[in-house]
């Protein structure tokens, strides 16, 4: 039931979109041309980023059920995932 929340879906998508915008912006600031190969970077980031966000949100939910404390769940989720 956790992923039926629109808020959770939007947060995970916003995180990935911010990463895509930053990467494409950085490529533009460095001065690289946006070629066909460079055009593959945003879709790859989306394909890799969405499952990672889902994993971290799911891990946070599991840790929150164990600890019942948001701060402790965030810290343990962050360290256990790496």
PDB file of N, CA and C in Angstrom:
ATOM      1  N   UNK A   1       0.807  -1.207   0.000  1.00  0.00           N
ATOM      2  CA  UNK A   1       0.000   0.000   0.000  1.00  0.00           C
ATOM      3  C   UNK A   1       0.852   1.275   0.000  1.00  0.00           C
ATOM      4  N   UNK A   2       2.124   1.138   0.332  1.00  0.00           N
ATOM      5  CA  UNK A   2       2.977   2.312   0.447  1.00  0.00           C
ATOM      6  C   UNK A   2       3.188   3.000  -0.889  1.00  0.00           C
ATOM      7  N   UNK A   3       3.347   2.224  -1.969  1.00  0.00           N
ATOM      8  CA  UNK A   3       3.627   2.816  -3.270  1.00  0.00           C
ATOM      9  C   UNK A   3       2.373   3.260  -3.992  1.00  0.00           C
ATOM     10  N   UNK A   4       1.218   3.094  -3.385  1.00  0.00           N
ATOM     11  CA  UNK A   4      -0.003   3.646  -3.975  1.00  0.00           C
ATOM     12  C   UNK A   4      -0.169   5.111  -3.623  1.00  0.00           C
ATOM     13  N   UNK A   5       0.713   5.611  -2.812  1.00  0.00           N
ATOM     14  CA  UNK A   5       0.690   7.013  -2.431  1.00  0.00           C
ATOM     15  C   UNK A   5       1.279   7.855  -3.562  1.00  0.00           C
ATOM     16  N   UNK A   6       0.543   8.831  -4.005  1.00  0.00           N
ATOM     17  CA  UNK A   6       0.994   9.714  -5.075  1.00  0.00           C
ATOM     18  C   UNK A   6       2.222  10.508  -4.643  1.00  0.00           C
ATOM     19  N   UNK A   7       2.285  10.851  -3.368  1.00  0.00           N
ATOM     20  CA  UNK A   7       3.405  11.631  -2.848  1.00  0.00           C
ATOM     21  C   UNK A   7       4.726  10.870  -2.991  1.00  0.00           C
ATOM     22  N   UNK A   8       4.720   9.579  -2.684  1.00  0.00           N
ATOM     23  CA  UNK A   8       5.937   8.773  -2.780  1.00  0.00           C
ATOM     24  C   UNK A   8       6.385   8.645  -4.229  1.00  0.00           C
ATOM     25  N   UNK A   9       5.453   8.436  -5.124  1.00  0.00           N
ATOM     26  CA  UNK A   9       5.782   8.308  -6.540  1.00  0.00           C
ATOM     27  C   UNK A   9       6.360   9.623  -7.069  1.00  0.00           C
ATOM     28  N   UNK A  10       5.750  10.728  -6.701  1.00  0.00           N
ATOM     29  CA  UNK A  10       6.231  12.029  -7.169  1.00  0.00           C
ATOM     30  C   UNK A  10       7.614  12.361  -6.613  1.00  0.00           C
ATOM     31  N   UNK A  11       7.852  12.032  -5.352  1.00  0.00           N
ATOM     32  CA  UNK A  11       9.165  12.315  -4.764  1.00  0.00           C
ATOM     33  C   UNK A  11      10.255  11.519  -5.479  1.00  0.00           C
ATOM     34  N   UNK A  12      10.008  10.243  -5.739  1.00  0.00           N
ATOM     35  CA  UNK A  12      11.032   9.439  -6.412  1.00  0.00           C
ATOM     36  C   UNK A  12      11.258   9.916  -7.843  1.00  0.00           C
ATOM     37  N   UNK A  13      10.208  10.344  -8.521  1.00  0.00           N
ATOM     38  CA  UNK A  13      10.381  10.844  -9.883  1.00  0.00           C
ATOM     39  C   UNK A  13      11.089  12.193  -9.902  1.00  0.00           C
ATOM     40  N   UNK A  14      10.801  13.046  -8.930  1.00  0.00           N
ATOM     41  CA  UNK A  14      11.449  14.357  -8.867  1.00  0.00           C
ATOM     42  C   UNK A  14      12.941  14.192  -8.612  1.00  0.00           C
ATOM     43  N   UNK A  15      13.310  13.241  -7.764  1.00  0.00           N
ATOM     44  CA  UNK A  15      14.729  13.001  -7.481  1.00  0.00           C
ATOM     45  C   UNK A  15      15.464  12.609  -8.760  1.00  0.00           C
ATOM     46  N   UNK A  16      14.876  11.722  -9.534  1.00  0.00           N
ATOM     47  CA  UNK A  16      15.519  11.273 -10.775  1.00  0.00           C
ATOM     48  C   UNK A  16      15.547  12.402 -11.803  1.00  0.00           C
ATOM     49  N   UNK A  17      14.480  13.157 -11.910  1.00  0.00           N
ATOM     50  CA  UNK A  17      14.428  14.254 -12.879  1.00  0.00           C
ATOM     51  C   UNK A  17      15.471  15.321 -12.548  1.00  0.00           C
ATOM     52  N   UNK A  18      15.661  15.611 -11.266  1.00  0.00           N
ATOM     53  CA  UNK A  18      16.688  16.584 -10.870  1.00  0.00           C
ATOM     54  C   UNK A  18      18.068  16.087 -11.290  1.00  0.00           C
ATOM     55  N   UNK A  19      18.328  14.800 -11.105  1.00  0.00           N
ATOM     56  CA  UNK A  19      19.609  14.235 -11.532  1.00  0.00           C
ATOM     57  C   UNK A  19      19.820  14.326 -13.031  1.00  0.00           C
ATOM     58  N   UNK A  20      18.764  14.067 -13.790  1.00  0.00           N
ATOM     59  CA  UNK A  20      18.858  14.156 -15.253  1.00  0.00           C
ATOM     60  C   UNK A  20      19.114  15.598 -15.687  1.00  0.00           C
ATOM     61  N   UNK A  21      18.397  16.530 -15.109  1.00  0.00           N
ATOM     62  CA  UNK A  21      18.571  17.944 -15.469  1.00  0.00           C
ATOM     63  C   UNK A  21      19.993  18.403 -15.125  1.00  0.00           C
ATOM     64  N   UNK A  22      20.489  18.022 -13.967  1.00  0.00           N
ATOM     65  CA  UNK A  22      21.844  18.404 -13.578  1.00  0.00           C
ATOM     66  C   UNK A  22      22.881  17.798 -14.517  1.00  0.00           C
ATOM     67  N   UNK A  23      22.696  16.540 -14.888  1.00  0.00           N
ATOM     68  CA  UNK A  23      23.697  15.908 -15.767  1.00  0.00           C
ATOM     69  C   UNK A  23      23.699  16.544 -17.151  1.00  0.00           C
ATOM     70  N   UNK A  24      22.528  16.784 -17.715  1.00  0.00           N
ATOM     71  CA  UNK A  24      22.466  17.411 -19.038  1.00  0.00           C
ATOM     72  C   UNK A  24      22.969  18.855 -18.962  1.00  0.00           C
ATOM     73  N   UNK A  25      22.642  19.546 -17.877  1.00  0.00           N
ATOM     74  CA  UNK A  25      23.146  20.907 -17.695  1.00  0.00           C
ATOM     75  C   UNK A  25      24.654  20.954 -17.558  1.00  0.00           C
ATOM     76  N   UNK A  26      25.198  19.982 -16.835  1.00  0.00           N
ATOM     77  CA  UNK A  26      26.654  19.913 -16.672  1.00  0.00           C
ATOM     78  C   UNK A  26      27.342  19.626 -18.003  1.00  0.00           C
ATOM     79  N   UNK A  27      26.748  18.759 -18.796  1.00  0.00           N
ATOM     80  CA  UNK A  27      27.304  18.460 -20.121  1.00  0.00           C
ATOM     81  C   UNK A  27      27.314  19.736 -20.966  1.00  0.00           C
ATOM     82  N   UNK A  28      26.227  20.507 -20.882  1.00  0.00           N
ATOM     83  CA  UNK A  28      26.163  21.761 -21.635  1.00  0.00           C
ATOM     84  C   UNK A  28      27.155  22.796 -21.139  1.00  0.00           C
ATOM     85  N   UNK A  29      27.339  22.882 -19.802  1.00  0.00           N
ATOM     86  CA  UNK A  29      28.288  23.853 -19.255  1.00  0.00           C
ATOM     87  C   UNK A  29      29.728  23.499 -19.589  1.00  0.00           C
ATOM     88  N   UNK A  30      30.024  22.227 -19.651  1.00  0.00           N
ATOM     89  CA  UNK A  30      31.378  21.803 -20.001  1.00  0.00           C
ATOM     90  C   UNK A  30      31.674  22.119 -21.464  1.00  0.00           C
ATOM     91  N   UNK A  31      30.644  22.115 -22.287  1.00  0.00           N
ATOM     92  CA  UNK A  31      30.822  22.472 -23.683  1.00  0.00           C
ATOM     93  C   UNK A  31      30.753  21.307 -24.643  1.00  0.00           C
ATOM     94  N   UNK A  32      30.356  20.148 -24.148  1.00  0.00           N
ATOM     95  CA  UNK A  32      30.205  19.004 -25.047  1.00  0.00           C
ATOM     96  C   UNK A  32      28.967  19.184 -25.915  1.00  0.00           C
ATOM     97  N   UNK A  33      29.055  18.683 -27.127  1.00  0.00           N
ATOM     98  CA  UNK A  33      27.877  18.695 -27.997  1.00  0.00           C
ATOM     99  C   UNK A  33      26.954  17.562 -27.594  1.00  0.00           C
ATOM    100  N   UNK A  34      25.664  17.776 -27.752  1.00  0.00           N
ATOM    101  CA  UNK A  34      24.688  16.743 -27.439  1.00  0.00           C
ATOM    102  C   UNK A  34      24.525  15.860 -28.669  1.00  0.00           C
ATOM    103  N   UNK A  35      25.287  14.782 -28.709  1.00  0.00           N
ATOM    104  CA  UNK A  35      25.249  13.852 -29.832  1.00  0.00           C
ATOM    105  C   UNK A  35      24.264  12.732 -29.541  1.00  0.00           C
ATOM    106  N   UNK A  36      24.143  11.807 -30.471  1.00  0.00           N
ATOM    107  CA  UNK A  36      23.253  10.672 -30.270  1.00  0.00           C
ATOM    108  C   UNK A  36      23.648   9.829 -29.076  1.00  0.00           C
ATOM    109  N   UNK A  37      24.961   9.678 -28.901  1.00  0.00           N
ATOM    110  CA  UNK A  37      25.446   8.897 -27.766  1.00  0.00           C
ATOM    111  C   UNK A  37      25.195   9.622 -26.447  1.00  0.00           C
ATOM    112  N   UNK A  38      25.377  10.926 -26.438  1.00  0.00           N
ATOM    113  CA  UNK A  38      25.092  11.713 -25.237  1.00  0.00           C
ATOM    114  C   UNK A  38      23.595  11.741 -24.942  1.00  0.00           C
ATOM    115  N   UNK A  39      22.794  11.592 -25.980  1.00  0.00           N
ATOM    116  CA  UNK A  39      21.348  11.555 -25.798  1.00  0.00           C
ATOM    117  C   UNK A  39      20.867  10.307 -25.079  1.00  0.00           C
ATOM    118  N   UNK A  40      21.722   9.308 -24.966  1.00  0.00           N
ATOM    119  CA  UNK A  40      21.368   8.086 -24.239  1.00  0.00           C
ATOM    120  C   UNK A  40      21.525   8.230 -22.728  1.00  0.00           C
ATOM    121  N   UNK A  41      22.214   9.257 -22.287  1.00  0.00           N
ATOM    122  CA  UNK A  41      22.460   9.421 -20.855  1.00  0.00           C
ATOM    123  C   UNK A  41      21.167   9.652 -20.062  1.00  0.00           C
ATOM    124  N   UNK A  42      20.284  10.585 -20.450  1.00  0.00           N
ATOM    125  CA  UNK A  42      19.062  10.781 -19.655  1.00  0.00           C
ATOM    126  C   UNK A  42      18.163   9.539 -19.554  1.00  0.00           C
ATOM    127  N   UNK A  43      17.888   8.814 -20.649  1.00  0.00           N
ATOM    128  CA  UNK A  43      17.068   7.612 -20.476  1.00  0.00           C
ATOM    129  C   UNK A  43      17.723   6.551 -19.590  1.00  0.00           C
ATOM    130  N   UNK A  44      19.039   6.421 -19.702  1.00  0.00           N
ATOM    131  CA  UNK A  44      19.730   5.458 -18.839  1.00  0.00           C
ATOM    132  C   UNK A  44      19.660   5.871 -17.374  1.00  0.00           C
ATOM    133  N   UNK A  45      19.782   7.151 -17.113  1.00  0.00           N
ATOM    134  CA  UNK A  45      19.672   7.621 -15.729  1.00  0.00           C
ATOM    135  C   UNK A  45      18.285   7.370 -15.182  1.00  0.00           C
ATOM    136  N   UNK A  46      17.265   7.545 -16.013  1.00  0.00           N
ATOM    137  CA  UNK A  46      15.894   7.290 -15.570  1.00  0.00           C
ATOM    138  C   UNK A  46      15.692   5.807 -15.303  1.00  0.00           C
ATOM    139  N   UNK A  47      16.179   4.956 -16.211  1.00  0.00           N
ATOM    140  CA  UNK A  47      16.001   3.510 -16.062  1.00  0.00           C
ATOM    141  C   UNK A  47      16.744   2.996 -14.827  1.00  0.00           C
ATOM    142  N   UNK A  48      17.892   3.544 -14.529  1.00  0.00           N
ATOM    143  CA  UNK A  48      18.652   3.109 -13.360  1.00  0.00           C
ATOM    144  C   UNK A  48      18.165   3.803 -12.092  1.00  0.00           C
ATOM    145  N   UNK A  49      17.763   5.058 -12.189  1.00  0.00           N
ATOM    146  CA  UNK A  49      17.401   5.849 -11.009  1.00  0.00           C
ATOM    147  C   UNK A  49      16.085   5.479 -10.375  1.00  0.00           C
ATOM    148  N   UNK A  50      15.057   5.184 -11.164  1.00  0.00           N
ATOM    149  CA  UNK A  50      13.741   4.864 -10.602  1.00  0.00           C
ATOM    150  C   UNK A  50      13.800   3.605  -9.730  1.00  0.00           C
ATOM    151  N   UNK A  51      14.393   2.489 -10.185  1.00  0.00           N
ATOM    152  CA  UNK A  51      14.476   1.329  -9.288  1.00  0.00           C
ATOM    153  C   UNK A  51      15.291   1.590  -8.022  1.00  0.00           C
ATOM    154  N   UNK A  52      16.338   2.406  -8.143  1.00  0.00           N
ATOM    155  CA  UNK A  52      17.114   2.733  -6.946  1.00  0.00           C
ATOM    156  C   UNK A  52      16.291   3.544  -5.953  1.00  0.00           C
ATOM    157  N   UNK A  53      15.499   4.488  -6.436  1.00  0.00           N
ATOM    158  CA  UNK A  53      14.623   5.255  -5.546  1.00  0.00           C
ATOM    159  C   UNK A  53      13.586   4.355  -4.891  1.00  0.00           C
ATOM    160  N   UNK A  54      13.026   3.448  -5.661  1.00  0.00           N
ATOM    161  CA  UNK A  54      12.036   2.518  -5.105  1.00  0.00           C
ATOM    162  C   UNK A  54      12.689   1.651  -4.042  1.00  0.00           C
ATOM    163  N   UNK A  55      13.919   1.186  -4.295  1.00  0.00           N
ATOM    164  CA  UNK A  55      14.629   0.363  -3.317  1.00  0.00           C
ATOM    165  C   UNK A  55      14.850   1.140  -2.019  1.00  0.00           C
ATOM    166  N   UNK A  56      15.332   2.381  -2.125  1.00  0.00           N
ATOM    167  CA  UNK A  56      15.607   3.161  -0.926  1.00  0.00           C
ATOM    168  C   UNK A  56      14.338   3.498  -0.153  1.00  0.00           C
ATOM    169  N   UNK A  57      13.260   3.809  -0.858  1.00  0.00           N
ATOM    170  CA  UNK A  57      11.998   4.104  -0.176  1.00  0.00           C
ATOM    171  C   UNK A  57      11.468   2.852   0.515  1.00  0.00           C
ATOM    172  N   UNK A  58      11.581   1.714  -0.142  1.00  0.00           N
ATOM    173  CA  UNK A  58      11.139   0.454   0.454  1.00  0.00           C
ATOM    174  C   UNK A  58      11.989   0.107   1.673  1.00  0.00           C
ATOM    175  N   UNK A  59      13.291   0.319   1.579  1.00  0.00           N
ATOM    176  CA  UNK A  59      14.194   0.057   2.699  1.00  0.00           C
ATOM    177  C   UNK A  59      13.878   0.980   3.868  1.00  0.00           C
ATOM    178  N   UNK A  60      13.588   2.238   3.591  1.00  0.00           N
ATOM    179  CA  UNK A  60      13.205   3.176   4.640  1.00  0.00           C
ATOM    180  C   UNK A  60      11.938   2.711   5.332  1.00  0.00           C
ATOM    181  N   UNK A  61      10.969   2.254   4.563  1.00  0.00           N
ATOM    182  CA  UNK A  61       9.713   1.786   5.142  1.00  0.00           C
ATOM    183  C   UNK A  61       9.953   0.581   6.046  1.00  0.00           C
ATOM    184  N   UNK A  62      10.805  -0.349   5.627  1.00  0.00           N
ATOM    185  CA  UNK A  62      11.115  -1.517   6.456  1.00  0.00           C
ATOM    186  C   UNK A  62      11.815  -1.098   7.746  1.00  0.00           C
ATOM    187  N   UNK A  63      12.767  -0.182   7.648  1.00  0.00           N
ATOM    188  CA  UNK A  63      13.476   0.275   8.841  1.00  0.00           C
ATOM    189  C   UNK A  63      12.550   1.052   9.769  1.00  0.00           C
ATOM    190  N   UNK A  64      11.613   1.801   9.216  1.00  0.00           N
ATOM    191  CA  UNK A  64      10.672   2.547  10.045  1.00  0.00           C
ATOM    192  C   UNK A  64       9.765   1.599  10.820  1.00  0.00           C
ATOM    193  N   UNK A  65       9.379   0.473  10.199  1.00  0.00           N
ATOM    194  CA  UNK A  65       8.570  -0.517  10.911  1.00  0.00           C
ATOM    195  C   UNK A  65       9.356  -1.127  12.072  1.00  0.00           C
ATOM    196  N   UNK A  66      10.662  -1.295  11.890  1.00  0.00           N
ATOM    197  CA  UNK A  66      11.491  -1.888  12.941  1.00  0.00           C
ATOM    198  C   UNK A  66      11.732  -0.891  14.075  1.00  0.00           C
ATOM    199  N   UNK A  67      12.169   0.328  13.736  1.00  0.00           N
ATOM    200  CA  UNK A  67      12.577   1.304  14.743  1.00  0.00           C
ATOM    201  C   UNK A  67      11.441   2.199  15.216  1.00  0.00           C
ATOM    202  N   UNK A  68      10.564   2.591  14.324  1.00  0.00           N
ATOM    203  CA  UNK A  68       9.499   3.519  14.679  1.00  0.00           C
ATOM    204  C   UNK A  68       9.970   4.955  14.807  1.00  0.00           C
ATOM    205  N   UNK A  69      11.207   5.235  14.444  1.00  0.00           N
ATOM    206  CA  UNK A  69      11.782   6.562  14.547  1.00  0.00           C
ATOM    207  C   UNK A  69      12.271   6.982  13.159  1.00  0.00           C
ATOM    208  N   UNK A  70      11.811   8.136  12.680  1.00  0.00           N
ATOM    209  CA  UNK A  70      12.155   8.570  11.323  1.00  0.00           C
ATOM    210  C   UNK A  70      13.644   8.830  11.156  1.00  0.00           C
ATOM    211  N   UNK A  71      14.258   9.510  12.120  1.00  0.00           N
ATOM    212  CA  UNK A  71      15.676   9.839  11.999  1.00  0.00           C
ATOM    213  C   UNK A  71      16.533   8.581  12.025  1.00  0.00           C
ATOM    214  N   UNK A  72      16.239   7.684  12.949  1.00  0.00           N
ATOM    215  CA  UNK A  72      17.015   6.444  13.040  1.00  0.00           C
ATOM    216  C   UNK A  72      16.801   5.574  11.808  1.00  0.00           C
ATOM    217  N   UNK A  73      15.597   5.567  11.277  1.00  0.00           N
ATOM    218  CA  UNK A  73      15.299   4.788  10.073  1.00  0.00           C
ATOM    219  C   UNK A  73      16.043   5.341   8.870  1.00  0.00           C
ATOM    220  N   UNK A  74      16.099   6.659   8.765  1.00  0.00           N
ATOM    221  CA  UNK A  74      16.810   7.284   7.654  1.00  0.00           C
ATOM    222  C   UNK A  74      18.299   6.976   7.734  1.00  0.00           C
ATOM    223  N   UNK A  75      18.870   7.088   8.913  1.00  0.00           N
ATOM    224  CA  UNK A  75      20.301   6.841   9.072  1.00  0.00           C
ATOM    225  C   UNK A  75      20.646   5.378   8.813  1.00  0.00           C
ATOM    226  N   UNK A  76      19.886   4.466   9.378  1.00  0.00           N
ATOM    227  CA  UNK A  76      20.198   3.042   9.183  1.00  0.00           C
ATOM    228  C   UNK A  76      19.906   2.606   7.759  1.00  0.00           C
ATOM    229  N   UNK A  77      18.905   3.179   7.126  1.00  0.00           N
ATOM    230  CA  UNK A  77      18.607   2.863   5.738  1.00  0.00           C
ATOM    231  C   UNK A  77      19.722   3.329   4.832  1.00  0.00           C
ATOM    232  N   UNK A  78      20.252   4.495   5.110  1.00  0.00           N
ATOM    233  CA  UNK A  78      21.321   5.058   4.286  1.00  0.00           C
ATOM    234  C   UNK A  78      22.586   4.221   4.383  1.00  0.00           C
ATOM    235  N   UNK A  79      22.962   3.830   5.566  1.00  0.00           N
ATOM    236  CA  UNK A  79      24.208   3.082   5.745  1.00  0.00           C
ATOM    237  C   UNK A  79      24.078   1.632   5.310  1.00  0.00           C
ATOM    238  N   UNK A  80      22.927   1.016   5.503  1.00  0.00           N
ATOM    239  CA  UNK A  80      22.762  -0.394   5.133  1.00  0.00           C
ATOM    240  C   UNK A  80      22.655  -0.570   3.629  1.00  0.00           C
ATOM    241  N   UNK A  81      22.202   0.451   2.915  1.00  0.00           N
ATOM    242  CA  UNK A  81      22.035   0.309   1.481  1.00  0.00           C
ATOM    243  C   UNK A  81      23.361   0.392   0.732  1.00  0.00           C
ATOM    244  N   UNK A  82      24.396   0.955   1.362  1.00  0.00           N
ATOM    245  CA  UNK A  82      25.678   1.065   0.688  1.00  0.00           C
ATOM    246  C   UNK A  82      26.571  -0.042   1.147  1.00  0.00           C
TER     247      UNK A  82
END
